[in-house]
Amino acid sequence: MKHKNIFIAFFKSGMLGYGGGLSAIPLMQHEVVDNYKWMDDEEFADVLALANTLPGPINTKLAGYIGWRIGGWAGMMNAIIAASIPTAILMVLLLTVLNTYKDHAWVQGMSKGVIPVAGVMIGTLAWGLIRLSDKLMGWVPTLILSLISIVVMQVLNIHPAILILGIFVVIFLQRD
């Protein structure tokens, strides 16, 4: 039953996460945190932050780690396959249809509609992580750290993975 639930959770997020890895993260969070309660919001946020520092597609990294944590090696393979297969199938089918009908207005309208939907999903996830940060640190440190992060990434052109790794180091050093 556990492996069936792992497959269903990651298959659903893979099937419904149209628009790339970032659009599937809120769906994955819903399945892992709200539906199956395998993690809480804080644990999911930690796993997400760590996954963002590693190379490769975010969906497979999250699915692999969460699957491994829940069901060992079999759970990891199950979750990766479940998260990857829908994307591959849908990509082939959708790109075939879109390419066939690319000049039709309905296809152009549908393609333009995906961007705001994915943006809202990403914004919802970001707001949830900001609220979690408020619980852990308070509003003032959250806002200061957010502003510093934006400046570091945009002005100094530092990659987000390096920034996240730096924050982990600072937090680790403060705990000792």
N, C-alpha and C. Protein backbone atom coordinates (compact mmCIF):
# COMPACT_ATOMS: atom_id res chain seq x y z
N MET A 1 0.83 -1.20 0.00
CA MET A 1 0.00 0.00 0.00
C MET A 1 0.86 1.26 0.00
N LYS A 2 1.99 1.21 0.75
CA LYS A 2 2.87 2.37 0.83
C LYS A 2 3.41 2.73 -0.55
N HIS A 3 3.85 1.72 -1.31
CA HIS A 3 4.43 2.00 -2.63
C HIS A 3 3.36 2.43 -3.63
N LYS A 4 2.17 1.94 -3.45
CA LYS A 4 1.05 2.40 -4.30
C LYS A 4 0.81 3.90 -4.05
N ASN A 5 0.80 4.30 -2.77
CA ASN A 5 0.59 5.72 -2.43
C ASN A 5 1.73 6.59 -2.93
N ILE A 6 2.96 6.10 -2.84
CA ILE A 6 4.10 6.85 -3.37
C ILE A 6 3.91 7.08 -4.86
N PHE A 7 3.56 6.02 -5.58
CA PHE A 7 3.37 6.14 -7.02
C PHE A 7 2.26 7.13 -7.34
N ILE A 8 1.12 7.00 -6.67
CA ILE A 8 -0.03 7.89 -6.94
C ILE A 8 0.33 9.34 -6.66
N ALA A 9 0.99 9.60 -5.54
CA ALA A 9 1.32 10.98 -5.16
C ALA A 9 2.20 11.65 -6.22
N PHE A 10 3.24 10.97 -6.64
CA PHE A 10 4.18 11.59 -7.58
C PHE A 10 3.68 11.52 -9.02
N PHE A 11 2.86 10.54 -9.33
CA PHE A 11 2.25 10.48 -10.66
C PHE A 11 1.29 11.65 -10.85
N LYS A 12 0.47 11.92 -9.81
CA LYS A 12 -0.47 13.05 -9.89
C LYS A 12 0.26 14.38 -10.07
N SER A 13 1.31 14.59 -9.30
CA SER A 13 2.03 15.85 -9.45
C SER A 13 2.74 15.92 -10.79
N GLY A 14 3.19 14.80 -11.31
CA GLY A 14 3.80 14.78 -12.64
C GLY A 14 2.79 15.03 -13.74
N MET A 15 1.59 14.47 -13.60
CA MET A 15 0.54 14.64 -14.61
C MET A 15 -0.01 16.06 -14.63
N LEU A 16 -0.17 16.64 -13.46
CA LEU A 16 -0.82 17.94 -13.37
C LEU A 16 0.14 19.11 -13.35
N GLY A 17 1.43 18.84 -13.25
CA GLY A 17 2.42 19.90 -13.14
C GLY A 17 2.88 20.43 -14.47
N TYR A 18 1.95 20.83 -15.32
CA TYR A 18 2.29 21.36 -16.64
C TYR A 18 2.98 22.71 -16.48
N GLY A 19 4.07 22.89 -17.17
CA GLY A 19 4.78 24.16 -17.14
C GLY A 19 6.18 24.03 -16.55
N GLY A 20 6.59 22.83 -16.25
CA GLY A 20 7.95 22.64 -15.74
C GLY A 20 7.98 22.25 -14.29
N GLY A 21 9.18 22.04 -13.80
CA GLY A 21 9.38 21.57 -12.43
C GLY A 21 8.80 22.48 -11.38
N LEU A 22 8.95 23.78 -11.56
CA LEU A 22 8.46 24.70 -10.54
C LEU A 22 6.95 24.63 -10.37
N SER A 23 6.23 24.37 -11.46
CA SER A 23 4.77 24.32 -11.34
C SER A 23 4.31 23.04 -10.65
N ALA A 24 5.15 22.00 -10.62
CA ALA A 24 4.76 20.75 -9.96
C ALA A 24 5.08 20.76 -8.46
N ILE A 25 5.94 21.66 -8.02
CA ILE A 25 6.34 21.68 -6.61
C ILE A 25 5.14 21.91 -5.68
N PRO A 26 4.26 22.88 -5.94
CA PRO A 26 3.11 23.03 -5.05
C PRO A 26 2.21 21.79 -5.03
N LEU A 27 2.10 21.12 -6.16
CA LEU A 27 1.30 19.90 -6.22
C LEU A 27 1.96 18.79 -5.40
N MET A 28 3.27 18.69 -5.52
CA MET A 28 4.03 17.71 -4.76
C MET A 28 3.91 18.01 -3.26
N GLN A 29 4.01 19.28 -2.91
CA GLN A 29 3.89 19.67 -1.50
C GLN A 29 2.52 19.29 -0.96
N HIS A 30 1.49 19.52 -1.76
CA HIS A 30 0.13 19.16 -1.32
C HIS A 30 0.03 17.66 -1.04
N GLU A 31 0.56 16.85 -1.94
CA GLU A 31 0.49 15.40 -1.76
C GLU A 31 1.30 14.94 -0.56
N VAL A 32 2.52 15.44 -0.45
CA VAL A 32 3.45 14.96 0.59
C VAL A 32 3.07 15.49 1.97
N VAL A 33 2.67 16.76 2.05
CA VAL A 33 2.40 17.38 3.35
C VAL A 33 0.93 17.25 3.75
N ASP A 34 0.04 17.65 2.86
CA ASP A 34 -1.38 17.72 3.23
C ASP A 34 -2.11 16.39 3.07
N ASN A 35 -1.88 15.71 1.96
CA ASN A 35 -2.64 14.51 1.66
C ASN A 35 -2.13 13.29 2.43
N TYR A 36 -0.84 12.96 2.27
CA TYR A 36 -0.31 11.74 2.90
C TYR A 36 0.40 12.01 4.23
N LYS A 37 0.71 13.27 4.52
CA LYS A 37 1.34 13.66 5.79
C LYS A 37 2.66 12.92 6.05
N TRP A 38 3.45 12.76 4.99
CA TRP A 38 4.76 12.14 5.12
C TRP A 38 5.77 13.12 5.71
N MET A 39 5.52 14.43 5.56
CA MET A 39 6.39 15.48 6.08
C MET A 39 5.51 16.63 6.53
N ASP A 40 6.09 17.54 7.31
CA ASP A 40 5.38 18.78 7.59
C ASP A 40 5.95 19.87 6.68
N ASP A 41 5.38 21.06 6.75
CA ASP A 41 5.81 22.15 5.86
C ASP A 41 7.28 22.49 6.04
N GLU A 42 7.75 22.47 7.28
CA GLU A 42 9.15 22.82 7.54
C GLU A 42 10.10 21.80 6.91
N GLU A 43 9.79 20.52 7.06
CA GLU A 43 10.64 19.49 6.46
C GLU A 43 10.64 19.61 4.94
N PHE A 44 9.46 19.84 4.36
CA PHE A 44 9.38 19.98 2.91
C PHE A 44 10.19 21.18 2.43
N ALA A 45 10.11 22.28 3.16
CA ALA A 45 10.88 23.47 2.80
C ALA A 45 12.38 23.20 2.86
N ASP A 46 12.82 22.45 3.86
CA ASP A 46 14.24 22.10 3.96
C ASP A 46 14.68 21.23 2.79
N VAL A 47 13.86 20.23 2.46
CA VAL A 47 14.18 19.34 1.34
C VAL A 47 14.19 20.13 0.03
N LEU A 48 13.24 21.04 -0.14
CA LEU A 48 13.18 21.87 -1.34
C LEU A 48 14.42 22.75 -1.45
N ALA A 49 14.82 23.37 -0.35
CA ALA A 49 16.02 24.22 -0.37
C ALA A 49 17.26 23.42 -0.73
N LEU A 50 17.40 22.25 -0.14
CA LEU A 50 18.55 21.40 -0.45
C LEU A 50 18.52 20.93 -1.90
N ALA A 51 17.35 20.54 -2.38
CA ALA A 51 17.21 20.07 -3.77
C ALA A 51 17.57 21.17 -4.76
N ASN A 52 17.28 22.41 -4.40
CA ASN A 52 17.60 23.53 -5.30
C ASN A 52 19.11 23.76 -5.43
N THR A 53 19.88 23.27 -4.47
CA THR A 53 21.33 23.47 -4.55
C THR A 53 22.00 22.43 -5.44
N LEU A 54 21.31 21.34 -5.72
CA LEU A 54 21.89 20.25 -6.51
C LEU A 54 21.55 20.41 -7.99
N PRO A 55 22.41 19.91 -8.87
CA PRO A 55 22.10 20.00 -10.30
C PRO A 55 21.03 18.99 -10.70
N GLY A 56 20.32 19.31 -11.77
CA GLY A 56 19.32 18.40 -12.31
C GLY A 56 17.91 18.91 -12.09
N PRO A 57 16.95 18.20 -12.68
CA PRO A 57 15.54 18.60 -12.57
C PRO A 57 15.03 18.49 -11.13
N ILE A 58 14.35 19.50 -10.67
CA ILE A 58 13.88 19.58 -9.29
C ILE A 58 12.88 18.47 -8.98
N ASN A 59 12.01 18.13 -9.93
CA ASN A 59 11.00 17.10 -9.67
C ASN A 59 11.62 15.76 -9.32
N THR A 60 12.61 15.35 -10.08
CA THR A 60 13.21 14.04 -9.83
C THR A 60 14.02 14.05 -8.54
N LYS A 61 14.63 15.17 -8.22
CA LYS A 61 15.38 15.24 -6.96
C LYS A 61 14.45 15.14 -5.77
N LEU A 62 13.37 15.92 -5.79
CA LEU A 62 12.40 15.86 -4.70
C LEU A 62 11.75 14.49 -4.61
N ALA A 63 11.30 13.98 -5.74
CA ALA A 63 10.64 12.67 -5.74
C ALA A 63 11.59 11.59 -5.24
N GLY A 64 12.82 11.63 -5.71
CA GLY A 64 13.79 10.62 -5.30
C GLY A 64 14.06 10.63 -3.81
N TYR A 65 14.30 11.80 -3.25
CA TYR A 65 14.59 11.87 -1.82
C TYR A 65 13.38 11.49 -0.97
N ILE A 66 12.24 12.07 -1.31
CA ILE A 66 11.04 11.78 -0.52
C ILE A 66 10.66 10.31 -0.64
N GLY A 67 10.74 9.76 -1.85
CA GLY A 67 10.47 8.33 -2.04
C GLY A 67 11.42 7.46 -1.24
N TRP A 68 12.72 7.83 -1.23
CA TRP A 68 13.71 7.07 -0.46
C TRP A 68 13.41 7.15 1.04
N ARG A 69 13.04 8.33 1.48
CA ARG A 69 12.77 8.53 2.90
C ARG A 69 11.56 7.72 3.36
N ILE A 70 10.57 7.58 2.47
CA ILE A 70 9.34 6.87 2.84
C ILE A 70 9.47 5.36 2.61
N GLY A 71 10.09 4.98 1.49
CA GLY A 71 10.10 3.56 1.12
C GLY A 71 11.44 2.99 0.75
N GLY A 72 12.53 3.62 1.17
CA GLY A 72 13.85 3.09 0.86
C GLY A 72 14.17 3.17 -0.64
N TRP A 73 15.05 2.28 -1.08
CA TRP A 73 15.48 2.32 -2.49
C TRP A 73 14.32 2.07 -3.44
N ALA A 74 13.45 1.13 -3.09
CA ALA A 74 12.29 0.84 -3.96
C ALA A 74 11.36 2.05 -4.02
N GLY A 75 11.18 2.72 -2.88
CA GLY A 75 10.35 3.93 -2.86
C GLY A 75 10.95 5.04 -3.71
N MET A 76 12.30 5.16 -3.67
CA MET A 76 12.97 6.17 -4.48
C MET A 76 12.74 5.91 -5.97
N MET A 77 12.96 4.68 -6.40
CA MET A 77 12.78 4.36 -7.83
C MET A 77 11.32 4.52 -8.24
N ASN A 78 10.43 4.11 -7.38
CA ASN A 78 9.00 4.24 -7.62
C ASN A 78 8.62 5.70 -7.83
N ALA A 79 9.08 6.56 -6.93
CA ALA A 79 8.73 7.99 -6.99
C ALA A 79 9.34 8.66 -8.23
N ILE A 80 10.58 8.32 -8.55
CA ILE A 80 11.22 8.92 -9.73
C ILE A 80 10.50 8.50 -11.00
N ILE A 81 10.18 7.23 -11.11
CA ILE A 81 9.45 6.74 -12.30
C ILE A 81 8.09 7.40 -12.37
N ALA A 82 7.38 7.46 -11.24
CA ALA A 82 6.04 8.05 -11.22
C ALA A 82 6.08 9.53 -11.60
N ALA A 83 7.11 10.25 -11.18
CA ALA A 83 7.21 11.68 -11.48
C ALA A 83 7.67 11.92 -12.92
N SER A 84 8.41 10.99 -13.50
CA SER A 84 9.01 11.19 -14.82
C SER A 84 8.14 10.71 -15.98
N ILE A 85 7.48 9.59 -15.82
CA ILE A 85 6.70 9.01 -16.92
C ILE A 85 5.62 9.96 -17.43
N PRO A 86 4.82 10.57 -16.56
CA PRO A 86 3.78 11.47 -17.09
C PRO A 86 4.37 12.61 -17.91
N THR A 87 5.48 13.14 -17.46
CA THR A 87 6.10 14.25 -18.18
C THR A 87 6.52 13.81 -19.57
N ALA A 88 7.14 12.67 -19.67
CA ALA A 88 7.60 12.18 -20.98
C ALA A 88 6.41 11.91 -21.90
N ILE A 89 5.40 11.23 -21.40
CA ILE A 89 4.22 10.92 -22.23
C ILE A 89 3.49 12.19 -22.64
N LEU A 90 3.24 13.06 -21.67
CA LEU A 90 2.52 14.29 -21.98
C LEU A 90 3.30 15.19 -22.92
N MET A 91 4.61 15.22 -22.75
CA MET A 91 5.43 16.07 -23.62
C MET A 91 5.32 15.60 -25.08
N VAL A 92 5.43 14.31 -25.30
CA VAL A 92 5.33 13.79 -26.66
C VAL A 92 3.94 14.08 -27.23
N LEU A 93 2.88 13.75 -26.46
CA LEU A 93 1.52 13.97 -26.94
C LEU A 93 1.21 15.45 -27.14
N LEU A 94 1.52 16.25 -26.14
CA LEU A 94 1.18 17.67 -26.21
C LEU A 94 1.96 18.39 -27.31
N LEU A 95 3.24 18.11 -27.41
CA LEU A 95 4.03 18.76 -28.45
C LEU A 95 3.59 18.34 -29.84
N THR A 96 3.14 17.10 -29.99
CA THR A 96 2.62 16.65 -31.28
C THR A 96 1.36 17.43 -31.64
N VAL A 97 0.44 17.55 -30.68
CA VAL A 97 -0.80 18.29 -30.92
C VAL A 97 -0.51 19.77 -31.15
N LEU A 98 0.32 20.36 -30.29
CA LEU A 98 0.62 21.78 -30.43
C LEU A 98 1.31 22.08 -31.75
N ASN A 99 2.20 21.23 -32.17
CA ASN A 99 2.89 21.43 -33.44
C ASN A 99 1.92 21.28 -34.61
N THR A 100 0.99 20.35 -34.52
CA THR A 100 0.01 20.13 -35.59
C THR A 100 -0.92 21.33 -35.74
N TYR A 101 -1.33 21.91 -34.61
CA TYR A 101 -2.32 22.99 -34.62
C TYR A 101 -1.74 24.33 -34.18
N LYS A 102 -0.44 24.52 -34.34
CA LYS A 102 0.21 25.71 -33.80
C LYS A 102 -0.31 27.03 -34.35
N ASP A 103 -0.89 27.02 -35.52
CA ASP A 103 -1.39 28.26 -36.11
C ASP A 103 -2.82 28.60 -35.70
N HIS A 104 -3.48 27.73 -34.97
CA HIS A 104 -4.84 27.98 -34.53
C HIS A 104 -4.85 28.87 -33.29
N ALA A 105 -5.87 29.72 -33.21
CA ALA A 105 -5.96 30.68 -32.11
C ALA A 105 -6.09 29.99 -30.75
N TRP A 106 -6.80 28.89 -30.69
CA TRP A 106 -7.00 28.22 -29.40
C TRP A 106 -5.69 27.68 -28.83
N VAL A 107 -4.78 27.25 -29.70
CA VAL A 107 -3.48 26.76 -29.23
C VAL A 107 -2.64 27.93 -28.73
N GLN A 108 -2.67 29.02 -29.45
CA GLN A 108 -1.90 30.20 -29.03
C GLN A 108 -2.45 30.75 -27.72
N GLY A 109 -3.77 30.75 -27.56
CA GLY A 109 -4.37 31.22 -26.32
C GLY A 109 -4.04 30.30 -25.15
N MET A 110 -4.07 29.00 -25.40
CA MET A 110 -3.75 28.04 -24.35
C MET A 110 -2.30 28.20 -23.91
N SER A 111 -1.42 28.39 -24.86
CA SER A 111 0.00 28.55 -24.54
C SER A 111 0.23 29.81 -23.71
N LYS A 112 -0.48 30.88 -24.02
CA LYS A 112 -0.34 32.12 -23.26
C LYS A 112 -0.96 32.00 -21.87
N GLY A 113 -1.96 31.14 -21.71
CA GLY A 113 -2.62 30.97 -20.42
C GLY A 113 -1.81 30.19 -19.41
N VAL A 114 -0.86 29.40 -19.88
CA VAL A 114 -0.06 28.58 -18.97
C VAL A 114 0.85 29.45 -18.10
N ILE A 115 1.38 30.50 -18.65
CA ILE A 115 2.35 31.33 -17.92
C ILE A 115 1.74 31.94 -16.66
N PRO A 116 0.57 32.59 -16.72
CA PRO A 116 0.02 33.14 -15.47
C PRO A 116 -0.36 32.05 -14.46
N VAL A 117 -0.86 30.92 -14.93
CA VAL A 117 -1.22 29.84 -14.01
C VAL A 117 0.02 29.33 -13.28
N ALA A 118 1.09 29.09 -14.02
CA ALA A 118 2.34 28.63 -13.39
C ALA A 118 2.87 29.70 -12.44
N GLY A 119 2.73 30.97 -12.82
CA GLY A 119 3.17 32.06 -11.95
C GLY A 119 2.41 32.10 -10.63
N VAL A 120 1.11 31.89 -10.69
CA VAL A 120 0.29 31.87 -9.47
C VAL A 120 0.68 30.69 -8.59
N MET A 121 0.91 29.54 -9.20
CA MET A 121 1.30 28.36 -8.42
C MET A 121 2.64 28.58 -7.72
N ILE A 122 3.59 29.16 -8.43
CA ILE A 122 4.90 29.44 -7.84
C ILE A 122 4.77 30.50 -6.75
N GLY A 123 3.94 31.52 -7.00
CA GLY A 123 3.70 32.56 -5.99
C GLY A 123 3.06 32.00 -4.73
N THR A 124 2.14 31.06 -4.88
CA THR A 124 1.50 30.42 -3.74
C THR A 124 2.52 29.65 -2.92
N LEU A 125 3.39 28.92 -3.60
CA LEU A 125 4.44 28.19 -2.90
C LEU A 125 5.37 29.16 -2.17
N ALA A 126 5.77 30.24 -2.84
CA ALA A 126 6.65 31.23 -2.22
C ALA A 126 5.99 31.85 -0.99
N TRP A 127 4.72 32.18 -1.08
CA TRP A 127 4.02 32.78 0.06
C TRP A 127 3.97 31.80 1.23
N GLY A 128 3.75 30.53 0.94
CA GLY A 128 3.75 29.52 2.00
C GLY A 128 5.10 29.42 2.68
N LEU A 129 6.17 29.51 1.91
CA LEU A 129 7.52 29.45 2.49
C LEU A 129 7.82 30.72 3.28
N ILE A 130 7.32 31.86 2.84
CA ILE A 130 7.51 33.11 3.59
C ILE A 130 6.77 33.02 4.93
N ARG A 131 5.55 32.50 4.91
CA ARG A 131 4.80 32.34 6.17
C ARG A 131 5.51 31.38 7.11
N LEU A 132 6.08 30.32 6.57
CA LEU A 132 6.84 29.38 7.39
C LEU A 132 8.07 30.07 7.98
N SER A 133 8.75 30.89 7.18
CA SER A 133 9.91 31.64 7.68
C SER A 133 9.50 32.58 8.81
N ASP A 134 8.32 33.19 8.68
CA ASP A 134 7.83 34.07 9.74
C ASP A 134 7.68 33.29 11.04
N LYS A 135 7.14 32.08 10.97
CA LYS A 135 6.98 31.26 12.18
C LYS A 135 8.33 30.91 12.79
N LEU A 136 9.31 30.63 11.94
CA LEU A 136 10.61 30.19 12.44
C LEU A 136 11.50 31.34 12.90
N MET A 137 11.44 32.49 12.18
CA MET A 137 12.38 33.58 12.47
C MET A 137 11.70 34.89 12.84
N GLY A 138 10.46 35.10 12.40
CA GLY A 138 9.79 36.38 12.58
C GLY A 138 9.84 37.18 11.29
N TRP A 139 8.98 38.22 11.20
CA TRP A 139 8.86 38.99 9.96
C TRP A 139 10.12 39.79 9.64
N VAL A 140 10.69 40.44 10.62
CA VAL A 140 11.83 41.32 10.34
C VAL A 140 13.02 40.54 9.78
N PRO A 141 13.48 39.46 10.44
CA PRO A 141 14.59 38.70 9.84
C PRO A 141 14.23 38.11 8.48
N THR A 142 12.97 37.68 8.32
CA THR A 142 12.54 37.12 7.04
C THR A 142 12.65 38.16 5.93
N LEU A 143 12.15 39.35 6.18
CA LEU A 143 12.21 40.42 5.17
C LEU A 143 13.65 40.84 4.89
N ILE A 144 14.46 40.97 5.94
CA ILE A 144 15.86 41.36 5.75
C ILE A 144 16.60 40.31 4.93
N LEU A 145 16.43 39.04 5.31
CA LEU A 145 17.09 37.96 4.57
C LEU A 145 16.60 37.88 3.13
N SER A 146 15.31 38.11 2.90
CA SER A 146 14.77 38.11 1.55
C SER A 146 15.37 39.23 0.71
N LEU A 147 15.43 40.44 1.28
CA LEU A 147 16.00 41.57 0.54
C LEU A 147 17.48 41.36 0.25
N ILE A 148 18.22 40.87 1.24
CA ILE A 148 19.64 40.58 1.02
C ILE A 148 19.80 39.53 -0.08
N SER A 149 18.96 38.51 -0.06
CA SER A 149 19.04 37.45 -1.08
C SER A 149 18.77 38.00 -2.47
N ILE A 150 17.78 38.86 -2.60
CA ILE A 150 17.47 39.46 -3.90
C ILE A 150 18.65 40.29 -4.40
N VAL A 151 19.22 41.09 -3.52
CA VAL A 151 20.37 41.92 -3.90
C VAL A 151 21.55 41.04 -4.32
N VAL A 152 21.84 40.02 -3.51
CA VAL A 152 22.97 39.13 -3.81
C VAL A 152 22.78 38.45 -5.16
N MET A 153 21.58 37.98 -5.43
CA MET A 153 21.34 37.27 -6.70
C MET A 153 21.29 38.22 -7.89
N GLN A 154 20.62 39.35 -7.74
CA GLN A 154 20.41 40.23 -8.88
C GLN A 154 21.57 41.19 -9.13
N VAL A 155 22.05 41.82 -8.08
CA VAL A 155 23.10 42.84 -8.24
C VAL A 155 24.47 42.19 -8.36
N LEU A 156 24.76 41.24 -7.47
CA LEU A 156 26.07 40.60 -7.48
C LEU A 156 26.13 39.39 -8.42
N ASN A 157 24.99 39.01 -8.97
CA ASN A 157 24.88 37.91 -9.92
C ASN A 157 25.41 36.58 -9.35
N ILE A 158 25.07 36.33 -8.09
CA ILE A 158 25.46 35.09 -7.41
C ILE A 158 24.35 34.06 -7.64
N HIS A 159 24.74 32.85 -7.99
CA HIS A 159 23.77 31.77 -8.24
C HIS A 159 23.01 31.44 -6.96
N PRO A 160 21.68 31.18 -7.05
CA PRO A 160 20.90 30.87 -5.85
C PRO A 160 21.43 29.67 -5.06
N ALA A 161 22.00 28.68 -5.73
CA ALA A 161 22.54 27.52 -5.02
C ALA A 161 23.69 27.93 -4.10
N ILE A 162 24.53 28.84 -4.55
CA ILE A 162 25.64 29.32 -3.71
C ILE A 162 25.08 30.11 -2.53
N LEU A 163 24.07 30.91 -2.78
CA LEU A 163 23.43 31.68 -1.71
C LEU A 163 22.82 30.74 -0.66
N ILE A 164 22.09 29.73 -1.10
CA ILE A 164 21.47 28.78 -0.17
C ILE A 164 22.54 28.05 0.63
N LEU A 165 23.60 27.61 -0.04
CA LEU A 165 24.69 26.93 0.65
C LEU A 165 25.32 27.86 1.70
N GLY A 166 25.51 29.13 1.34
CA GLY A 166 26.06 30.10 2.29
C GLY A 166 25.16 30.29 3.50
N ILE A 167 23.86 30.34 3.29
CA ILE A 167 22.91 30.48 4.40
C ILE A 167 22.97 29.25 5.30
N PHE A 168 23.05 28.05 4.69
CA PHE A 168 23.19 26.83 5.48
C PHE A 168 24.44 26.87 6.35
N VAL A 169 25.55 27.34 5.78
CA VAL A 169 26.81 27.43 6.54
C VAL A 169 26.66 28.40 7.70
N VAL A 170 26.08 29.57 7.45
CA VAL A 170 25.89 30.56 8.52
C VAL A 170 25.01 29.99 9.63
N ILE A 171 23.91 29.35 9.26
CA ILE A 171 23.02 28.76 10.27
C ILE A 171 23.75 27.67 11.05
N PHE A 172 24.51 26.83 10.36
CA PHE A 172 25.25 25.75 11.01
C PHE A 172 26.27 26.32 11.99
N LEU A 173 26.97 27.37 11.58
CA LEU A 173 27.97 27.97 12.46
C LEU A 173 27.35 28.65 13.67
N GLN A 174 26.15 29.18 13.53
CA GLN A 174 25.47 29.85 14.64
C GLN A 174 24.97 28.85 15.68
N ARG A 175 24.72 27.62 15.26
CA ARG A 175 24.19 26.60 16.20
C ARG A 175 25.26 26.12 17.16
N ASP A 176 26.53 26.24 16.81
CA ASP A 176 27.60 25.75 17.68
C ASP A 176 27.97 26.72 18.75
